[in-house]
């Protein structure tokens, strides 16, 4: 989710429209002299830079946070994770699932500790998009952790967020990686669980974010 890295794992991008509206409504600049597209682009970049600065100050990797969340409930699988720096103290928001139970937990990105307690819900309480993402986990041979490791190797970077999405009958992992000073979105199509493939394959598409 950064410019158009569209996935729910990175909460920053979901909040951008609200930030943009607030700034637009409070500015005293005459409408004729404003450049909405330019203002939005500048706002996007400022928010991205702030999130990246927080990320570079973390001691816990996304993979470590993912594993820590899954260890809280043995047998659970992560379907959505991303860095959230909105409070000023970076945490990884991790959503795990086991059978029909969903856990939403925050892992401190500096210490690895669970912070703020857990939010527990049932799969039937999810919206259609999220429910489809959870169901998708049961139909593929790879885990989100597998996809993160592949994306990091492919980009020589560190993941900042990832999720699984379902579009029609296709299931993709979408990972956003910090690679040097760049953000890259990696889309991987994992092998489906019902396919009889002696050697599971994956295909990856890497593109810059922005």
Protein backbone atom coordinates (compact mmCIF):
# COMPACT_ATOMS: atom_id res chain seq x y z
CA UNK A 1 0.00 0.00 0.00
CA UNK A 2 2.13 2.89 -0.83
CA UNK A 3 0.90 4.74 -3.74
CA UNK A 4 -0.79 2.07 -4.98
CA UNK A 5 0.76 -0.79 -3.06
CA UNK A 6 -2.76 -1.76 -2.24
CA UNK A 7 -2.99 -4.11 0.68
CA UNK A 8 -4.33 -3.82 4.16
CA UNK A 9 -1.14 -4.77 5.90
CA UNK A 10 0.28 -1.25 5.98
CA UNK A 11 -2.15 0.86 7.95
CA UNK A 12 -0.50 4.12 6.92
CA UNK A 13 -1.93 4.01 3.43
CA UNK A 14 -5.43 3.31 4.66
CA UNK A 15 -5.30 6.53 6.68
CA UNK A 16 -3.93 8.75 3.92
CA UNK A 17 -7.32 9.91 2.57
CA UNK A 18 -8.29 11.04 6.08
CA UNK A 19 -5.04 12.95 6.48
CA UNK A 20 -5.47 14.54 3.08
CA UNK A 21 -9.04 15.62 3.86
CA UNK A 22 -8.01 17.13 7.18
CA UNK A 23 -5.26 19.17 5.61
CA UNK A 24 -7.47 20.30 2.75
CA UNK A 25 -10.20 21.47 5.12
CA UNK A 26 -7.83 23.38 7.42
CA UNK A 27 -5.63 25.13 4.87
CA UNK A 28 -6.10 28.84 4.26
CA UNK A 29 -4.53 28.77 0.81
CA UNK A 30 -6.87 30.22 -1.84
CA UNK A 31 -8.29 27.43 -4.03
CA UNK A 32 -6.98 29.00 -7.23
CA UNK A 33 -3.37 28.71 -6.07
CA UNK A 34 -3.56 25.13 -4.80
CA UNK A 35 -2.37 22.06 -6.62
CA UNK A 36 -4.36 19.13 -5.12
CA UNK A 37 -2.34 16.49 -6.95
CA UNK A 38 0.93 18.05 -5.85
CA UNK A 39 -0.30 18.46 -2.26
CA UNK A 40 -1.33 14.81 -2.13
CA UNK A 41 1.97 13.62 -3.58
CA UNK A 42 3.91 15.70 -1.04
CA UNK A 43 1.76 14.38 1.79
CA UNK A 44 2.23 10.80 0.61
CA UNK A 45 5.99 11.23 0.50
CA UNK A 46 6.14 12.82 3.96
CA UNK A 47 4.16 9.96 5.46
CA UNK A 48 6.28 7.37 3.67
CA UNK A 49 9.51 9.01 4.84
CA UNK A 50 8.25 9.05 8.43
CA UNK A 51 7.28 5.38 8.30
CA UNK A 52 10.62 4.41 6.78
CA UNK A 53 12.51 6.35 9.45
CA UNK A 54 10.62 4.44 12.14
CA UNK A 55 11.24 1.15 10.35
CA UNK A 56 14.99 1.73 10.18
CA UNK A 57 15.02 2.28 13.93
CA UNK A 58 13.44 -1.08 14.72
CA UNK A 59 15.32 -4.02 16.17
CA UNK A 60 12.69 -6.67 15.40
CA UNK A 61 12.21 -7.83 11.81
CA UNK A 62 8.84 -8.52 10.28
CA UNK A 63 9.67 -12.23 10.17
CA UNK A 64 10.48 -12.24 13.88
CA UNK A 65 7.21 -10.48 14.68
CA UNK A 66 5.27 -12.92 12.50
CA UNK A 67 6.78 -15.92 14.27
CA UNK A 68 6.21 -14.37 17.69
CA UNK A 69 2.53 -13.86 16.92
CA UNK A 70 2.09 -17.43 15.67
CA UNK A 71 3.82 -18.83 18.75
CA UNK A 72 1.16 -17.22 20.93
CA UNK A 73 -1.31 -19.70 19.43
CA UNK A 74 0.48 -22.83 18.17
CA UNK A 75 -0.91 -24.01 14.87
CA UNK A 76 -2.11 -20.57 13.82
CA UNK A 77 -1.15 -18.93 10.50
CA UNK A 78 -0.52 -15.29 9.70
CA UNK A 79 -2.58 -13.80 6.91
CA UNK A 80 -1.83 -10.10 7.36
CA UNK A 81 1.05 -8.15 8.92
CA UNK A 82 2.42 -4.64 8.66
CA UNK A 83 4.33 -1.93 10.46
CA UNK A 84 2.23 0.76 12.12
CA UNK A 85 3.96 3.90 13.31
CA UNK A 86 0.89 6.05 13.82
CA UNK A 87 1.36 6.17 17.60
CA UNK A 88 4.99 7.25 17.30
CA UNK A 89 6.22 3.93 18.69
CA UNK A 90 6.41 1.39 15.85
CA UNK A 91 4.56 -1.89 16.20
CA UNK A 92 3.78 -4.73 13.85
CA UNK A 93 0.06 -5.37 13.55
CA UNK A 94 -0.33 -9.09 13.02
CA UNK A 95 -3.49 -11.03 12.20
CA UNK A 96 -3.37 -14.78 12.70
CA UNK A 97 -6.01 -17.45 12.20
CA UNK A 98 -6.60 -20.99 13.39
CA UNK A 99 -9.72 -22.81 12.20
CA UNK A 100 -12.41 -20.15 12.67
CA UNK A 101 -10.72 -17.98 15.30
CA UNK A 102 -8.89 -14.73 14.47
CA UNK A 103 -6.32 -12.99 16.65
CA UNK A 104 -5.18 -9.40 16.09
CA UNK A 105 -2.07 -8.57 18.08
CA UNK A 106 0.55 -5.81 18.18
CA UNK A 107 4.23 -6.73 18.49
CA UNK A 108 6.58 -3.96 19.61
CA UNK A 109 9.04 -3.46 16.76
CA UNK A 110 11.83 -2.49 19.16
CA UNK A 111 11.49 -5.14 21.85
CA UNK A 112 9.44 -7.96 20.33
CA UNK A 113 6.97 -7.82 23.22
CA UNK A 114 3.22 -8.07 22.82
CA UNK A 115 1.68 -4.68 23.51
CA UNK A 116 -1.91 -3.64 24.13
CA UNK A 117 -3.39 -7.11 24.48
CA UNK A 118 -5.16 -9.16 21.81
CA UNK A 119 -8.36 -8.67 19.89
CA UNK A 120 -10.14 -11.98 19.28
CA UNK A 121 -12.89 -12.51 16.72
CA UNK A 122 -14.47 -15.24 14.64
CA UNK A 123 -13.99 -15.79 10.93
CA UNK A 124 -17.71 -15.37 10.35
CA UNK A 125 -17.43 -11.83 11.72
CA UNK A 126 -14.97 -10.75 9.01
CA UNK A 127 -16.02 -8.81 5.95
CA UNK A 128 -16.12 -10.69 2.66
CA UNK A 129 -12.68 -9.53 1.50
CA UNK A 130 -10.93 -10.54 4.71
CA UNK A 131 -12.83 -13.81 4.94
CA UNK A 132 -11.72 -14.69 1.41
CA UNK A 133 -8.11 -13.91 2.35
CA UNK A 134 -8.30 -16.24 5.34
CA UNK A 135 -9.87 -19.00 3.25
CA UNK A 136 -7.13 -18.53 0.65
CA UNK A 137 -4.52 -19.64 3.20
CA UNK A 138 -6.05 -23.11 3.21
CA UNK A 139 -5.83 -23.44 -0.57
CA UNK A 140 -2.12 -22.69 -1.14
CA UNK A 141 1.03 -24.63 -0.35
CA UNK A 142 3.08 -21.71 0.93
CA UNK A 143 2.76 -19.60 4.07
CA UNK A 144 3.03 -15.83 4.35
CA UNK A 145 6.44 -16.35 5.97
CA UNK A 146 7.58 -18.29 2.88
CA UNK A 147 6.46 -15.41 0.68
CA UNK A 148 8.22 -12.81 2.84
CA UNK A 149 11.51 -14.72 2.69
CA UNK A 150 11.25 -15.11 -1.09
CA UNK A 151 10.49 -11.40 -1.51
CA UNK A 152 13.39 -10.37 0.70
CA UNK A 153 15.81 -12.57 -1.23
CA UNK A 154 14.54 -11.32 -4.57
CA UNK A 155 14.90 -7.65 -3.64
CA UNK A 156 17.81 -7.91 -1.18
CA UNK A 157 15.67 -5.91 1.21
CA UNK A 158 13.58 -6.18 4.37
CA UNK A 159 9.82 -6.63 4.39
CA UNK A 160 7.67 -3.97 6.02
CA UNK A 161 4.27 -5.55 5.33
CA UNK A 162 2.51 -8.43 3.64
CA UNK A 163 -0.81 -10.11 3.11
CA UNK A 164 -2.64 -12.67 0.98
CA UNK A 165 -5.36 -11.50 -1.39
CA UNK A 166 -7.93 -13.29 -3.45
CA UNK A 167 -8.96 -11.97 -6.84
CA UNK A 168 -11.50 -14.07 -8.68
CA UNK A 169 -9.95 -17.54 -8.56
CA UNK A 170 -6.37 -16.34 -8.11
CA UNK A 171 -4.58 -16.12 -4.78
CA UNK A 172 -1.53 -13.91 -4.41
CA UNK A 173 0.83 -12.94 -1.63
CA UNK A 174 1.64 -9.22 -1.77
CA UNK A 175 4.76 -8.11 0.10
CA UNK A 176 6.17 -4.58 0.42
CA UNK A 177 9.93 -4.49 0.92
CA UNK A 178 12.34 -1.71 1.85
CA UNK A 179 15.29 -2.10 -0.51
CA UNK A 180 17.91 0.59 -0.01
CA UNK A 181 16.05 3.87 -0.32
CA UNK A 182 13.28 2.29 -2.38
CA UNK A 183 10.00 0.56 -1.67
CA UNK A 184 9.17 -2.42 -3.83
CA UNK A 185 5.99 -4.41 -4.09
CA UNK A 186 6.45 -8.11 -4.70
CA UNK A 187 3.50 -10.17 -5.88
CA UNK A 188 3.81 -13.95 -5.68
CA UNK A 189 1.37 -16.49 -7.00
CA UNK A 190 1.82 -19.58 -4.83
CA UNK A 191 1.04 -23.11 -6.00
CA UNK A 192 -2.47 -24.24 -5.14
CA UNK A 193 -2.74 -27.01 -2.57
CA UNK A 194 -4.89 -29.25 -4.76
CA UNK A 195 -2.37 -29.31 -7.60
CA UNK A 196 -0.22 -32.40 -7.83
CA UNK A 197 3.11 -30.79 -8.53
CA UNK A 198 6.24 -32.80 -7.62
CA UNK A 199 8.20 -29.56 -7.24
CA UNK A 200 6.06 -26.60 -6.07
CA UNK A 201 6.64 -23.47 -8.13
CA UNK A 202 6.05 -19.82 -7.51
CA UNK A 203 6.08 -16.83 -9.82
CA UNK A 204 7.03 -13.38 -8.60
CA UNK A 205 6.41 -9.91 -10.02
CA UNK A 206 8.50 -7.08 -8.55
CA UNK A 207 7.61 -3.46 -9.09
CA UNK A 208 8.60 -0.15 -7.45
CA UNK A 209 6.12 1.55 -5.15
CA UNK A 210 5.38 5.17 -5.83
